[in-house]
Amino acid sequence: MYISRVVLKNWKNFQNVDVRLSERVFIVGPNASGKSNFLDVFRFLRDIARDGGGLQEAVRLRGGLSKIRCLSAKGKKTDVEIDIYVNETPDSSQLWRYHIGLTQRGGGAVGSSRAIIRFEKVWKQNELILDRPNSTDIDDEQLKEYTHLEQPTSNAKFRELAVFFKLIDYQHIIPQIIRSPLAFQGAGSVEDFYGRDLFKKMNKMSKKTRESQLKRIETALKHAVPHLKNLTLETDDAGIPHLQTIYEHWRPHGARQNEEQFSDGTLRLIGLFYAMQNGLNPLLLEEPELSLHSGVIQSLAEIIHLMQKRKAGKRQVILSTHSYDLLNNNGISADEIIILNPMDSEGTTVSNASSLEKIKALLDSGLSPAEAVIPLTMAPDVRQLSLNFLD
């Protein structure tokens, strides 16, 4: 399944959003326009649905509803709303729709307010199967502090959707955390999007699956790191798994290295290739181009496409990027690009590149997506940055 449409009201940077998504989504925009906040919509639903999560925990992790609510929200229309459409396949009609509206009760001291459900609705194939508040909610107001999405006793009719949200995967690999995971234990998050437990996850796989995936990763990596061979996962005397490889150079048998000697780019690529091979639900990637050579970055869109084709069911990939090199690929269509445009008082607007006539005209003239899109997402006065610094 994949997320085909997102409608938002008063979510962080965004006062009003209605945008369609494809199997690959490239989110572009200036600094501080809300790329991470757009990805966080999907993480928020995942946090509600996952074990040990729930609505109140998802809101707490984000500093309370007042931190989630858009600063541009006006008058009485200040409820936060998220409306997600899910298709079974790209060419199928709507399978699921989940629509939730949130307000808050209480205030004052930190932690004293509670997120409250104004409404929670679920459709399956256009049939409304959940409509809250219901009579039970009216009789017991405290029930409005909990979604049916998070409760196995209440989501039986749409558990497939709850599991879909629960298994959304977010990755923003930080090489330093992979190299020194113990230094980042207990950092306050049960989610391992920085790669702290990457090798532990690999080690839990069956040996056959792990070796197959590592061989595939090694084959791909050799195009970026030609001297790398024999990528394996080995445990040390303390039982801690480490990724090891041999680098071929002037020594007759090469030199064995582990993740402490790997470059940042190599570790980020390993994390990306691992994530792409595991799971079918949407994968969220935060600026995957970081630490990578421009030649590798230019191949990322094609790598994602090819790895999507390898799986029995295509995995949707939604990524944020600033990279000209990543978008400098004529295989990326305008339908796959989402453009964020920060406004002064109305919040950030979100548009499909295919809906913007100026971009369509540029692409039709033969320009690459990078040439058509990146100049439009550049801050107007960015070229004055160095001049102002010297004043």
Protein backbone atom coordinates (compact mmCIF):
# COMPACT_ATOMS: atom_id res chain seq x y z
CA MET A 1 0.00 0.00 0.00
CA TYR A 2 1.09 3.58 -0.43
CA ILE A 3 -0.02 7.06 0.64
CA SER A 4 -1.66 8.72 -2.33
CA ARG A 5 -2.90 12.02 -0.90
CA VAL A 6 -2.25 14.21 2.16
CA VAL A 7 -4.52 16.98 3.42
CA LEU A 8 -3.32 19.06 6.39
CA LYS A 9 -4.71 21.94 8.41
CA ASN A 10 -2.62 23.84 10.94
CA TRP A 11 0.19 21.27 11.03
CA LYS A 12 3.44 23.01 12.01
CA ASN A 13 4.56 25.16 9.01
CA PHE A 14 1.43 24.34 7.05
CA GLN A 15 -1.88 26.12 7.40
CA ASN A 16 -3.53 24.35 4.47
CA VAL A 17 -2.14 21.51 2.36
CA ASP A 18 -3.74 19.22 -0.22
CA VAL A 19 -1.17 17.29 -2.24
CA ARG A 20 -0.99 13.97 -4.08
CA LEU A 21 1.94 11.60 -3.69
CA SER A 22 3.50 9.02 -6.00
CA GLU A 23 5.64 5.95 -5.31
CA ARG A 24 8.77 8.10 -5.23
CA VAL A 25 8.42 11.54 -3.68
CA PHE A 26 11.13 14.22 -3.72
CA ILE A 27 10.39 17.06 -1.29
CA VAL A 28 12.32 20.24 -2.08
CA GLY A 29 12.28 23.74 -0.68
CA PRO A 30 14.42 26.43 0.99
CA ASN A 31 15.94 26.00 4.43
CA ALA A 32 13.33 26.14 7.22
CA SER A 33 10.45 25.72 4.76
CA GLY A 34 9.18 22.59 6.54
CA LYS A 35 10.60 19.56 4.72
CA SER A 36 11.25 17.70 7.98
CA ASN A 37 7.89 18.82 9.35
CA PHE A 38 6.13 17.41 6.29
CA LEU A 39 7.83 14.05 6.82
CA ASP A 40 6.85 14.25 10.48
CA VAL A 41 3.15 13.93 9.61
CA PHE A 42 3.75 10.29 8.74
CA ARG A 43 5.96 9.72 11.77
CA PHE A 44 3.23 11.22 13.97
CA LEU A 45 0.66 8.69 12.74
CA ARG A 46 3.27 5.95 13.15
CA ASP A 47 3.91 7.09 16.75
CA ILE A 48 0.19 6.94 17.53
CA ALA A 49 -0.19 3.43 16.11
CA ARG A 50 3.02 1.80 17.38
CA ASP A 51 3.34 -0.30 20.53
CA GLY A 52 4.12 1.88 23.52
CA GLY A 53 2.97 4.95 21.65
CA GLY A 54 -0.49 6.47 21.41
CA LEU A 55 -1.82 9.96 20.86
CA GLN A 56 -0.60 11.52 24.10
CA GLU A 57 2.92 10.14 23.68
CA ALA A 58 3.08 11.25 20.03
CA VAL A 59 2.05 14.77 21.06
CA ARG A 60 4.45 14.80 24.05
CA LEU A 61 7.41 13.88 21.84
CA ARG A 62 6.70 17.03 19.83
CA GLY A 63 6.43 19.34 22.83
CA GLY A 64 2.64 19.47 23.09
CA LEU A 65 -0.11 20.45 20.68
CA SER A 66 0.82 24.12 20.96
CA LYS A 67 4.16 23.26 19.31
CA ILE A 68 2.41 21.29 16.58
CA ARG A 69 -0.25 23.87 15.75
CA CYS A 70 0.65 26.21 12.89
CA LEU A 71 1.54 29.74 14.01
CA SER A 72 -0.52 31.04 11.09
CA ALA A 73 -3.74 29.44 12.42
CA LYS A 74 -6.40 32.12 12.64
CA GLY A 75 -9.52 32.81 14.68
CA LYS A 76 -11.52 29.79 15.74
CA LYS A 77 -10.05 27.56 13.02
CA THR A 78 -7.10 26.36 15.09
CA ASP A 79 -7.72 22.60 15.26
CA VAL A 80 -4.93 20.45 13.85
CA GLU A 81 -6.24 18.14 11.11
CA ILE A 82 -4.56 15.27 9.25
CA ASP A 83 -6.32 13.52 6.39
CA ILE A 84 -4.49 10.60 4.75
CA TYR A 85 -5.57 8.60 1.69
CA VAL A 86 -4.09 5.15 1.11
CA ASN A 87 -4.25 3.14 -2.12
CA GLU A 88 -3.51 -0.54 -2.47
CA THR A 89 -1.53 -0.01 -5.68
CA PRO A 90 -0.65 3.08 -7.75
CA ASP A 91 -3.39 2.43 -10.29
CA SER A 92 -6.11 1.39 -7.81
CA SER A 93 -8.85 3.47 -6.27
CA GLN A 94 -8.81 4.60 -2.64
CA LEU A 95 -8.57 1.69 -0.19
CA TRP A 96 -8.37 3.53 3.14
CA ARG A 97 -8.80 7.07 4.39
CA TYR A 98 -7.96 8.26 7.90
CA HIS A 99 -9.02 11.73 9.07
CA ILE A 100 -8.33 13.09 12.56
CA GLY A 101 -8.90 16.50 14.13
CA LEU A 102 -7.18 17.54 17.37
CA THR A 103 -7.55 20.29 19.94
CA GLN A 104 -6.32 20.48 23.53
CA ARG A 105 -7.70 20.61 27.04
CA GLY A 106 -5.93 22.43 29.84
CA GLY A 107 -2.82 24.55 29.70
CA GLY A 108 -0.56 26.53 31.92
CA ALA A 109 2.16 24.34 33.44
CA VAL A 110 4.19 22.17 31.11
CA GLY A 111 2.61 18.73 30.81
CA SER A 112 -0.76 19.82 32.18
CA SER A 113 -2.53 20.01 28.80
CA ARG A 114 -3.94 16.98 26.97
CA ALA A 115 -4.60 16.47 23.28
CA ILE A 116 -8.29 15.91 22.62
CA ILE A 117 -9.89 14.30 19.59
CA ARG A 118 -12.42 16.60 17.94
CA PHE A 119 -13.17 13.85 15.44
CA GLU A 120 -11.70 10.60 14.14
CA LYS A 121 -13.01 9.04 10.94
CA VAL A 122 -12.03 6.00 8.89
CA TRP A 123 -13.26 5.00 5.43
CA LYS A 124 -12.69 1.68 3.73
CA GLN A 125 -13.31 1.80 -0.03
CA ASN A 126 -15.36 4.99 0.49
CA GLU A 127 -17.55 3.42 3.19
CA LEU A 128 -17.43 5.25 6.54
CA ILE A 129 -16.64 2.59 9.17
CA LEU A 130 -15.59 4.81 12.11
CA ASP A 131 -17.15 8.13 13.07
CA ARG A 132 -16.17 9.73 16.34
CA PRO A 133 -17.20 11.24 18.66
CA ASN A 134 -19.86 8.61 19.22
CA SER A 135 -22.32 8.15 22.08
CA THR A 136 -19.67 6.43 24.23
CA ASP A 137 -17.30 9.38 23.83
CA ILE A 138 -20.03 11.80 24.83
CA ASP A 139 -20.75 9.82 28.00
CA ASP A 140 -17.05 9.65 28.93
CA GLU A 141 -15.03 12.68 27.82
CA GLN A 142 -11.73 11.06 28.82
CA LEU A 143 -12.08 8.61 25.93
CA LYS A 144 -11.39 11.52 23.60
CA GLU A 145 -7.78 11.46 24.79
CA TYR A 146 -7.24 8.17 22.95
CA THR A 147 -7.57 7.32 19.29
CA HIS A 148 -9.13 4.09 18.10
CA LEU A 149 -6.08 3.81 15.85
CA GLU A 150 -3.90 2.98 18.87
CA GLN A 151 -6.29 0.51 20.52
CA PRO A 152 -6.37 -3.13 19.30
CA THR A 153 -9.79 -3.59 20.88
CA SER A 154 -11.18 -0.69 18.85
CA ASN A 155 -9.39 -0.88 15.49
CA ALA A 156 -10.43 -4.41 14.48
CA LYS A 157 -12.28 -3.14 11.40
CA PHE A 158 -9.27 -1.16 10.17
CA ARG A 159 -6.32 -2.95 11.75
CA GLU A 160 -4.71 -3.30 8.34
CA LEU A 161 -4.47 0.49 8.24
CA ALA A 162 -3.18 0.69 11.83
CA VAL A 163 -0.41 -1.80 11.02
CA PHE A 164 0.40 0.12 7.83
CA PHE A 165 0.99 3.30 9.85
CA LYS A 166 2.82 1.41 12.59
CA LEU A 167 5.42 0.06 10.14
CA ILE A 168 6.28 3.34 8.43
CA ASP A 169 10.08 3.58 8.55
CA TYR A 170 12.10 6.78 8.96
CA GLN A 171 15.86 6.94 8.44
CA HIS A 172 18.38 9.70 8.93
CA ILE A 173 21.64 7.79 9.39
CA ILE A 174 24.32 9.60 11.42
CA PRO A 175 27.67 7.79 10.96
CA GLN A 176 29.04 8.88 14.36
CA ILE A 177 26.17 7.07 16.10
CA ILE A 178 26.76 3.88 14.11
CA ARG A 179 30.43 3.94 15.10
CA SER A 180 29.78 4.64 18.80
CA PRO A 181 26.27 3.37 19.61
CA LEU A 182 26.89 3.03 23.35
CA ALA A 183 27.55 6.75 23.62
CA PHE A 184 24.00 7.42 22.44
CA GLN A 185 22.09 4.84 24.48
CA GLY A 186 19.20 6.24 26.46
CA ALA A 187 18.92 9.33 24.27
CA GLY A 188 15.18 9.50 24.97
CA SER A 189 13.82 7.89 21.82
CA VAL A 190 12.77 4.30 21.21
CA GLU A 191 13.09 4.92 17.50
CA ASP A 192 16.42 4.11 15.89
CA PHE A 193 16.34 6.36 12.86
CA TYR A 194 19.97 7.43 13.41
CA GLY A 195 21.30 3.88 12.98
CA ARG A 196 22.32 3.23 16.58
CA ASP A 197 21.11 -0.40 16.45
CA LEU A 198 21.68 -1.02 12.74
CA PHE A 199 24.10 -3.91 13.29
CA LYS A 200 21.96 -5.45 16.03
CA LYS A 201 19.06 -5.56 13.58
CA MET A 202 21.25 -7.23 10.98
CA ASN A 203 22.48 -9.73 13.55
CA LYS A 204 18.90 -10.78 14.39
CA MET A 205 18.27 -11.88 10.79
CA SER A 206 18.70 -15.46 9.72
CA LYS A 207 22.25 -16.07 8.50
CA LYS A 208 21.08 -16.85 4.98
CA THR A 209 19.03 -13.64 4.67
CA ARG A 210 21.77 -11.52 6.20
CA GLU A 211 24.48 -12.90 3.93
CA SER A 212 22.27 -12.45 0.89
CA GLN A 213 21.52 -8.83 1.75
CA LEU A 214 25.14 -8.00 2.60
CA LYS A 215 26.26 -9.50 -0.71
CA ARG A 216 23.76 -7.32 -2.53
CA ILE A 217 24.94 -4.27 -0.56
CA GLU A 218 28.58 -5.13 -1.33
CA THR A 219 27.84 -5.43 -5.05
CA ALA A 220 26.17 -2.02 -5.06
CA LEU A 221 28.86 -0.40 -2.89
CA LYS A 222 31.67 -1.49 -5.18
CA HIS A 223 30.46 1.03 -7.77
CA ALA A 224 31.12 3.80 -5.23
CA VAL A 225 33.93 2.18 -3.21
CA PRO A 226 35.87 0.06 -5.77
CA HIS A 227 38.39 -1.41 -3.31
CA LEU A 228 35.76 -2.87 -0.96
CA LYS A 229 35.12 -6.62 -0.85
CA ASN A 230 33.95 -9.40 1.51
CA LEU A 231 31.39 -7.39 3.49
CA THR A 232 30.40 -9.45 6.53
CA LEU A 233 28.87 -9.06 10.00
CA GLU A 234 31.05 -10.49 12.76
CA THR A 235 30.63 -10.51 16.55
CA ASP A 236 33.49 -9.65 18.88
CA ASP A 237 34.40 -11.43 22.14
CA ALA A 238 31.72 -9.42 23.98
CA GLY A 239 29.06 -10.54 21.52
CA ILE A 240 28.76 -7.10 19.89
CA PRO A 241 28.23 -7.24 16.10
CA HIS A 242 30.51 -5.26 13.80
CA LEU A 243 30.46 -4.78 10.06
CA GLN A 244 33.74 -5.81 8.48
CA THR A 245 35.22 -5.67 5.01
CA ILE A 246 38.53 -5.96 3.21
CA TYR A 247 39.97 -2.98 1.36
CA GLU A 248 42.24 -4.02 -1.49
CA HIS A 249 45.34 -1.86 -1.97
CA TRP A 250 49.11 -2.32 -2.16
CA ARG A 251 49.14 -5.11 0.44
CA PRO A 252 48.92 -8.61 -1.10
CA HIS A 253 45.79 -9.55 0.86
CA GLY A 254 44.30 -6.13 1.48
CA ALA A 255 43.46 -4.73 4.92
CA ARG A 256 40.53 -5.73 7.11
CA GLN A 257 38.49 -2.83 8.49
CA ASN A 258 35.31 -2.38 10.51
CA GLU A 259 32.79 0.44 10.78
CA GLU A 260 35.21 2.61 12.79
CA GLN A 261 37.33 2.99 9.66
CA PHE A 262 34.45 3.30 7.18
CA SER A 263 33.83 6.72 5.66
CA ASP A 264 30.65 8.63 6.51
CA GLY A 265 29.41 8.15 2.95
CA THR A 266 29.98 4.38 3.06
CA LEU A 267 28.02 4.05 6.31
CA ARG A 268 25.14 6.15 4.98
CA LEU A 269 24.97 4.04 1.82
CA ILE A 270 24.97 0.83 3.84
CA GLY A 271 22.10 2.19 5.96
CA LEU A 272 20.15 3.21 2.84
CA PHE A 273 20.63 -0.14 1.08
CA TYR A 274 19.68 -2.01 4.24
CA ALA A 275 16.51 0.04 4.72
CA MET A 276 15.46 -0.39 1.09
CA GLN A 277 15.67 -4.18 1.38
CA ASN A 278 13.62 -4.52 4.57
CA GLY A 279 9.95 -3.72 4.76
CA LEU A 280 7.15 -2.86 2.35
CA ASN A 281 5.61 0.15 4.08
CA PRO A 282 6.63 3.76 3.28
CA LEU A 283 10.26 4.66 3.85
CA LEU A 284 11.02 8.25 4.85
CA LEU A 285 14.52 9.53 4.07
CA GLU A 286 15.98 12.79 5.36
CA GLU A 287 18.50 14.29 2.92
CA PRO A 288 20.05 10.96 1.83
CA GLU A 289 22.69 12.85 -0.19
CA LEU A 290 24.66 13.93 2.89
CA SER A 291 28.32 12.80 2.91
CA LEU A 292 28.05 11.29 -0.58
CA HIS A 293 30.08 12.11 -3.69
CA SER A 294 28.14 13.98 -6.37
CA GLY A 295 28.52 11.04 -8.75
CA VAL A 296 26.82 8.73 -6.24
CA ILE A 297 24.13 11.31 -5.50
CA GLN A 298 23.24 11.47 -9.20
CA SER A 299 22.52 7.74 -9.07
CA LEU A 300 20.30 7.77 -5.95
CA ALA A 301 17.00 8.26 -7.77
CA GLU A 302 17.79 5.36 -10.10
CA ILE A 303 18.99 3.19 -7.20
CA ILE A 304 15.71 3.77 -5.38
CA HIS A 305 13.74 2.95 -8.53
CA LEU A 306 15.66 -0.28 -9.13
CA MET A 307 15.35 -1.40 -5.53
CA GLN A 308 11.63 -0.69 -5.61
CA LYS A 309 11.33 -2.96 -8.66
CA ARG A 310 13.13 -5.80 -6.86
CA LYS A 311 10.44 -6.16 -4.20
CA ALA A 312 7.23 -8.13 -4.62
CA GLY A 313 5.25 -5.00 -3.78
CA LYS A 314 6.76 -1.60 -4.52
CA ARG A 315 7.82 0.30 -1.41
CA GLN A 316 6.96 3.97 -1.40
CA VAL A 317 9.96 6.21 -0.73
CA ILE A 318 9.43 9.80 0.43
CA LEU A 319 12.60 11.86 0.77
CA SER A 320 13.59 15.43 1.45
CA THR A 321 16.52 16.96 -0.39
CA HIS A 322 18.44 20.15 -1.17
CA SER A 323 20.58 18.41 -3.76
CA TYR A 324 20.93 19.63 -7.33
CA ASP A 325 22.81 16.42 -8.16
CA LEU A 326 20.03 14.17 -6.87
CA LEU A 327 17.39 15.93 -8.97
CA ASN A 328 19.64 16.18 -12.02
CA ASN A 329 18.02 13.07 -13.46
CA ASN A 330 15.54 13.16 -16.33
CA GLY A 331 14.02 9.92 -15.05
CA ILE A 332 12.34 11.94 -12.29
CA SER A 333 8.92 13.17 -13.37
CA ALA A 334 7.20 16.37 -12.27
CA ASP A 335 4.52 14.25 -10.56
CA GLU A 336 7.19 12.95 -8.17
CA ILE A 337 8.38 16.37 -6.98
CA ILE A 338 6.75 18.26 -4.11
CA ILE A 339 7.75 21.93 -3.79
CA LEU A 340 7.52 23.83 -0.49
CA ASN A 341 7.24 27.60 -0.62
CA PRO A 342 7.38 29.51 2.70
CA MET A 343 5.04 32.50 2.92
CA ASP A 344 5.21 35.40 5.36
CA SER A 345 1.82 35.05 7.05
CA GLU A 346 0.00 32.08 5.52
CA GLY A 347 2.42 29.29 6.37
CA THR A 348 4.25 27.16 3.82
CA THR A 349 2.42 26.22 0.64
CA VAL A 350 2.87 22.75 -0.86
CA SER A 351 2.50 22.04 -4.59
CA ASN A 352 3.07 19.19 -7.00
CA ALA A 353 5.63 20.36 -9.55
CA SER A 354 3.32 19.05 -12.28
CA SER A 355 0.68 21.60 -11.23
CA LEU A 356 3.02 24.57 -11.78
CA GLU A 357 2.92 25.76 -15.40
CA LYS A 358 6.33 27.45 -15.18
CA ILE A 359 8.04 24.20 -14.16
CA LYS A 360 6.13 22.15 -16.72
CA ALA A 361 7.26 24.54 -19.44
CA LEU A 362 10.89 24.30 -18.32
CA LEU A 363 10.78 20.51 -18.26
CA ASP A 364 9.09 20.39 -21.65
CA SER A 365 11.92 22.56 -23.03
CA GLY A 366 14.42 19.84 -22.09
CA LEU A 367 15.73 21.06 -18.74
CA SER A 368 16.36 18.52 -16.00
CA PRO A 369 14.23 18.58 -12.83
CA ALA A 370 17.20 20.13 -11.00
CA GLU A 371 17.50 22.97 -13.53
CA ALA A 372 13.75 23.60 -13.41
CA VAL A 373 13.14 23.30 -9.67
CA ILE A 374 16.22 24.21 -7.61
CA PRO A 375 16.39 27.90 -8.70
CA LEU A 376 12.74 28.33 -7.67
CA THR A 377 13.44 26.99 -4.18
CA MET A 378 16.41 29.23 -3.53
CA ALA A 379 15.90 31.96 -0.94
CA PRO A 380 15.58 35.30 -2.82
CA ASP A 381 18.52 36.99 -1.07
CA VAL A 382 20.78 33.98 -0.60
CA ARG A 383 23.46 35.42 -2.90
CA GLN A 384 23.80 38.36 -0.50
CA LEU A 385 24.78 36.03 2.36
CA SER A 386 28.54 36.36 1.93
CA LEU A 387 28.37 40.10 1.22
CA ASN A 388 26.39 40.77 4.40
CA PHE A 389 28.79 38.65 6.41
CA LEU A 390 31.68 40.85 5.34
CA ASP A 391 29.88 44.12 6.18
